[in-house]
Amino acid sequence: MAQRARNPAVEPLVLVVISLGGGLGALARYGIGVWWPSQPHQVPWATFTINVVGCFAIGILMVLITEVWVAHRLLRPFLGIGVLGGFTTFSTYSLEVRRLLESGAAVEALGYLGGTVVAGLGAVVLGMFSARSATGTARRMS
């Protein structure tokens, strides 16, 4: 029998920085949700904004750490996976779409469902463009 391929071991320090970043991102998301609670039968604007801002930030971050800086090896796991992964939330977004549908707010649910995807993708592109423009790397990219 063929031997199963093993996944490379994950460094404990990488897990620590992801965990710390994830905790910080989740706390920020929670704080915004408490400060800006969603209303029944309405688009949950806090989650929408959190996800779009997170997409914009990941667009900026990826340009900076892959095209501009020689980044520390723990920066991407901490900020990208940890902070932004903990900050943005697909699970809450999905639950909120379901709640809107169950409450009879189908138009709002479908608008939120599609609007989040379109706005998120647009925010990533805008973040990347902004970072490249601000750092002058847009002229060097082909």
C-alpha atoms as a PDB file:
ATOM      1  CA  MET A   1       0.000   0.000   0.000  1.00  0.00           C
ATOM      2  CA  ALA A   2       1.140   3.520  -0.710  1.00  0.00           C
ATOM      3  CA  GLN A   3       2.138   5.482   2.317  1.00  0.00           C
ATOM      4  CA  ARG A   4      -0.126   8.462   3.004  1.00  0.00           C
ATOM      5  CA  ALA A   5       1.448  11.852   2.483  1.00  0.00           C
ATOM      6  CA  ARG A   6       2.031  13.636   5.750  1.00  0.00           C
ATOM      7  CA  ASN A   7       1.152  17.227   6.308  1.00  0.00           C
ATOM      8  CA  PRO A   8       4.160  19.223   7.389  1.00  0.00           C
ATOM      9  CA  ALA A   9       4.151  20.049  11.066  1.00  0.00           C
ATOM     10  CA  VAL A  10       2.885  23.494  11.923  1.00  0.00           C
ATOM     11  CA  GLU A  11       5.228  25.513  14.053  1.00  0.00           C
ATOM     12  CA  PRO A  12       3.792  26.203  17.503  1.00  0.00           C
ATOM     13  CA  LEU A  13       4.788  29.874  17.223  1.00  0.00           C
ATOM     14  CA  VAL A  14       2.728  30.242  14.055  1.00  0.00           C
ATOM     15  CA  LEU A  15      -0.301  28.819  15.868  1.00  0.00           C
ATOM     16  CA  VAL A  16       0.285  31.230  18.755  1.00  0.00           C
ATOM     17  CA  VAL A  17       0.388  34.312  16.521  1.00  0.00           C
ATOM     18  CA  ILE A  18      -2.687  33.164  14.579  1.00  0.00           C
ATOM     19  CA  SER A  19      -4.532  32.618  17.856  1.00  0.00           C
ATOM     20  CA  LEU A  20      -3.538  35.992  19.266  1.00  0.00           C
ATOM     21  CA  GLY A  21      -4.454  37.770  16.046  1.00  0.00           C
ATOM     22  CA  GLY A  22      -7.720  35.874  15.773  1.00  0.00           C
ATOM     23  CA  GLY A  23      -8.655  36.854  19.302  1.00  0.00           C
ATOM     24  CA  LEU A  24      -7.965  40.521  18.576  1.00  0.00           C
ATOM     25  CA  GLY A  25      -9.951  40.430  15.341  1.00  0.00           C
ATOM     26  CA  ALA A  26     -12.885  38.653  16.971  1.00  0.00           C
ATOM     27  CA  LEU A  27     -12.924  41.144  19.845  1.00  0.00           C
ATOM     28  CA  ALA A  28     -13.000  44.030  17.371  1.00  0.00           C
ATOM     29  CA  ARG A  29     -15.847  42.392  15.447  1.00  0.00           C
ATOM     30  CA  TYR A  30     -17.771  41.749  18.651  1.00  0.00           C
ATOM     31  CA  GLY A  31     -17.297  45.342  19.798  1.00  0.00           C
ATOM     32  CA  ILE A  32     -18.581  46.723  16.509  1.00  0.00           C
ATOM     33  CA  GLY A  33     -21.565  44.352  16.659  1.00  0.00           C
ATOM     34  CA  VAL A  34     -22.450  45.548  20.166  1.00  0.00           C
ATOM     35  CA  TRP A  35     -21.978  49.191  19.179  1.00  0.00           C
ATOM     36  CA  TRP A  36     -23.973  48.785  15.940  1.00  0.00           C
ATOM     37  CA  PRO A  37     -26.554  46.017  16.500  1.00  0.00           C
ATOM     38  CA  SER A  38     -28.579  44.663  13.600  1.00  0.00           C
ATOM     39  CA  GLN A  39     -32.289  45.321  13.484  1.00  0.00           C
ATOM     40  CA  PRO A  40     -34.871  42.621  12.731  1.00  0.00           C
ATOM     41  CA  HIS A  41     -35.895  42.395   9.062  1.00  0.00           C
ATOM     42  CA  GLN A  42     -33.078  44.755   8.000  1.00  0.00           C
ATOM     43  CA  VAL A  43     -29.695  44.205   6.425  1.00  0.00           C
ATOM     44  CA  PRO A  44     -27.123  43.694   9.214  1.00  0.00           C
ATOM     45  CA  TRP A  45     -24.959  46.665   8.251  1.00  0.00           C
ATOM     46  CA  ALA A  46     -22.341  46.031  10.930  1.00  0.00           C
ATOM     47  CA  THR A  47     -21.449  42.603   9.540  1.00  0.00           C
ATOM     48  CA  PHE A  48     -21.587  43.903   5.973  1.00  0.00           C
ATOM     49  CA  THR A  49     -19.217  46.752   6.854  1.00  0.00           C
ATOM     50  CA  ILE A  50     -16.889  44.483   8.833  1.00  0.00           C
ATOM     51  CA  ASN A  51     -16.587  42.052   5.923  1.00  0.00           C
ATOM     52  CA  VAL A  52     -16.028  44.766   3.309  1.00  0.00           C
ATOM     53  CA  VAL A  53     -13.462  46.595   5.468  1.00  0.00           C
ATOM     54  CA  GLY A  54     -11.711  43.272   6.109  1.00  0.00           C
ATOM     55  CA  CYS A  55     -11.601  42.572   2.363  1.00  0.00           C
ATOM     56  CA  PHE A  56     -10.153  46.033   1.713  1.00  0.00           C
ATOM     57  CA  ALA A  57      -7.541  45.484   4.432  1.00  0.00           C
ATOM     58  CA  ILE A  58      -6.517  42.062   3.100  1.00  0.00           C
ATOM     59  CA  GLY A  59      -6.054  43.587  -0.355  1.00  0.00           C
ATOM     60  CA  ILE A  60      -3.708  46.199   1.101  1.00  0.00           C
ATOM     61  CA  LEU A  61      -1.913  43.704   3.329  1.00  0.00           C
ATOM     62  CA  MET A  62      -1.223  41.181   0.586  1.00  0.00           C
ATOM     63  CA  VAL A  63       0.291  43.821  -1.686  1.00  0.00           C
ATOM     64  CA  LEU A  64       2.446  45.181   1.118  1.00  0.00           C
ATOM     65  CA  ILE A  65       3.789  41.831   2.314  1.00  0.00           C
ATOM     66  CA  THR A  66       4.259  40.252  -1.112  1.00  0.00           C
ATOM     67  CA  GLU A  67       5.240  43.163  -3.354  1.00  0.00           C
ATOM     68  CA  VAL A  68       6.567  45.974  -1.168  1.00  0.00           C
ATOM     69  CA  TRP A  69       8.107  44.708   2.076  1.00  0.00           C
ATOM     70  CA  VAL A  70      10.323  41.870   3.045  1.00  0.00           C
ATOM     71  CA  ALA A  71       7.868  40.882   5.749  1.00  0.00           C
ATOM     72  CA  HIS A  72       8.628  38.941   8.889  1.00  0.00           C
ATOM     73  CA  ARG A  73       7.465  35.349   8.470  1.00  0.00           C
ATOM     74  CA  LEU A  74       4.898  35.745  11.265  1.00  0.00           C
ATOM     75  CA  LEU A  75       3.280  38.922   9.925  1.00  0.00           C
ATOM     76  CA  ARG A  76       0.992  37.217   7.408  1.00  0.00           C
ATOM     77  CA  PRO A  77      -0.249  34.551   9.853  1.00  0.00           C
ATOM     78  CA  PHE A  78      -0.811  37.187  12.548  1.00  0.00           C
ATOM     79  CA  LEU A  79      -2.516  39.879  10.472  1.00  0.00           C
ATOM     80  CA  GLY A  80      -3.946  37.991   7.490  1.00  0.00           C
ATOM     81  CA  ILE A  81      -5.116  34.737   9.021  1.00  0.00           C
ATOM     82  CA  GLY A  82      -5.423  35.852  12.626  1.00  0.00           C
ATOM     83  CA  VAL A  83      -6.606  39.458  12.893  1.00  0.00           C
ATOM     84  CA  LEU A  84      -8.476  39.718   9.592  1.00  0.00           C
ATOM     85  CA  GLY A  85      -9.691  36.125   9.739  1.00  0.00           C
ATOM     86  CA  GLY A  86     -11.069  36.734  13.231  1.00  0.00           C
ATOM     87  CA  PHE A  87     -12.481  40.118  12.247  1.00  0.00           C
ATOM     88  CA  THR A  88     -14.376  39.064   9.130  1.00  0.00           C
ATOM     89  CA  THR A  89     -17.049  36.429   9.362  1.00  0.00           C
ATOM     90  CA  PHE A  90     -18.620  34.187   6.780  1.00  0.00           C
ATOM     91  CA  SER A  91     -20.557  32.204   9.367  1.00  0.00           C
ATOM     92  CA  THR A  92     -22.364  35.236  10.809  1.00  0.00           C
ATOM     93  CA  TYR A  93     -23.051  36.499   7.294  1.00  0.00           C
ATOM     94  CA  SER A  94     -24.595  33.135   6.346  1.00  0.00           C
ATOM     95  CA  LEU A  95     -26.697  32.997   9.516  1.00  0.00           C
ATOM     96  CA  GLU A  96     -27.937  36.538   8.969  1.00  0.00           C
ATOM     97  CA  VAL A  97     -28.978  35.743   5.382  1.00  0.00           C
ATOM     98  CA  ARG A  98     -30.920  32.755   6.723  1.00  0.00           C
ATOM     99  CA  ARG A  99     -32.576  34.861   9.439  1.00  0.00           C
ATOM    100  CA  LEU A 100     -33.631  37.475   6.919  1.00  0.00           C
ATOM    101  CA  LEU A 101     -35.133  34.784   4.677  1.00  0.00           C
ATOM    102  CA  GLU A 102     -36.968  33.183   7.603  1.00  0.00           C
ATOM    103  CA  SER A 103     -38.372  36.542   8.687  1.00  0.00           C
ATOM    104  CA  GLY A 104     -39.858  37.131   5.235  1.00  0.00           C
ATOM    105  CA  ALA A 105     -37.331  39.789   4.203  1.00  0.00           C
ATOM    106  CA  ALA A 106     -36.366  37.985   1.011  1.00  0.00           C
ATOM    107  CA  VAL A 107     -35.390  41.107  -0.948  1.00  0.00           C
ATOM    108  CA  GLU A 108     -33.103  42.250   1.870  1.00  0.00           C
ATOM    109  CA  ALA A 109     -31.644  38.752   2.216  1.00  0.00           C
ATOM    110  CA  LEU A 110     -30.842  38.415  -1.472  1.00  0.00           C
ATOM    111  CA  GLY A 111     -29.472  41.956  -1.644  1.00  0.00           C
ATOM    112  CA  TYR A 112     -27.277  41.272   1.378  1.00  0.00           C
ATOM    113  CA  LEU A 113     -26.187  37.907  -0.034  1.00  0.00           C
ATOM    114  CA  GLY A 114     -25.097  39.264  -3.402  1.00  0.00           C
ATOM    115  CA  GLY A 115     -24.102  42.716  -2.216  1.00  0.00           C
ATOM    116  CA  THR A 116     -21.606  41.370   0.290  1.00  0.00           C
ATOM    117  CA  VAL A 117     -19.853  39.241  -2.323  1.00  0.00           C
ATOM    118  CA  VAL A 118     -19.698  42.042  -4.891  1.00  0.00           C
ATOM    119  CA  ALA A 119     -18.641  44.673  -2.349  1.00  0.00           C
ATOM    120  CA  GLY A 120     -16.068  42.324  -0.795  1.00  0.00           C
ATOM    121  CA  LEU A 121     -14.444  41.492  -4.121  1.00  0.00           C
ATOM    122  CA  GLY A 122     -14.501  45.138  -5.102  1.00  0.00           C
ATOM    123  CA  ALA A 123     -12.920  46.082  -1.780  1.00  0.00           C
ATOM    124  CA  VAL A 124     -10.057  43.613  -2.284  1.00  0.00           C
ATOM    125  CA  VAL A 125      -9.349  45.046  -5.732  1.00  0.00           C
ATOM    126  CA  LEU A 126      -9.614  48.614  -4.423  1.00  0.00           C
ATOM    127  CA  GLY A 127      -7.323  47.783  -1.495  1.00  0.00           C
ATOM    128  CA  MET A 128      -4.732  46.284  -3.824  1.00  0.00           C
ATOM    129  CA  PHE A 129      -4.954  49.215  -6.221  1.00  0.00           C
ATOM    130  CA  SER A 130      -4.701  51.702  -3.336  1.00  0.00           C
ATOM    131  CA  ALA A 131      -1.655  49.991  -1.854  1.00  0.00           C
ATOM    132  CA  ARG A 132       0.078  49.789  -5.230  1.00  0.00           C
ATOM    133  CA  SER A 133      -0.695  53.428  -5.980  1.00  0.00           C
ATOM    134  CA  ALA A 134       0.461  54.613  -2.551  1.00  0.00           C
ATOM    135  CA  THR A 135       3.718  52.672  -2.736  1.00  0.00           C
ATOM    136  CA  GLY A 136       4.481  53.300  -6.392  1.00  0.00           C
ATOM    137  CA  THR A 137       4.444  49.601  -7.238  1.00  0.00           C
ATOM    138  CA  ALA A 138       1.598  50.062  -9.726  1.00  0.00           C
ATOM    139  CA  ARG A 139       4.024  51.425 -12.299  1.00  0.00           C
ATOM    140  CA  ARG A 140       6.348  48.440 -11.926  1.00  0.00           C
ATOM    141  CA  MET A 141       3.648  45.739 -12.106  1.00  0.00           C
ATOM    142  CA  SER A 142       2.884  44.185 -15.481  1.00  0.00           C
END
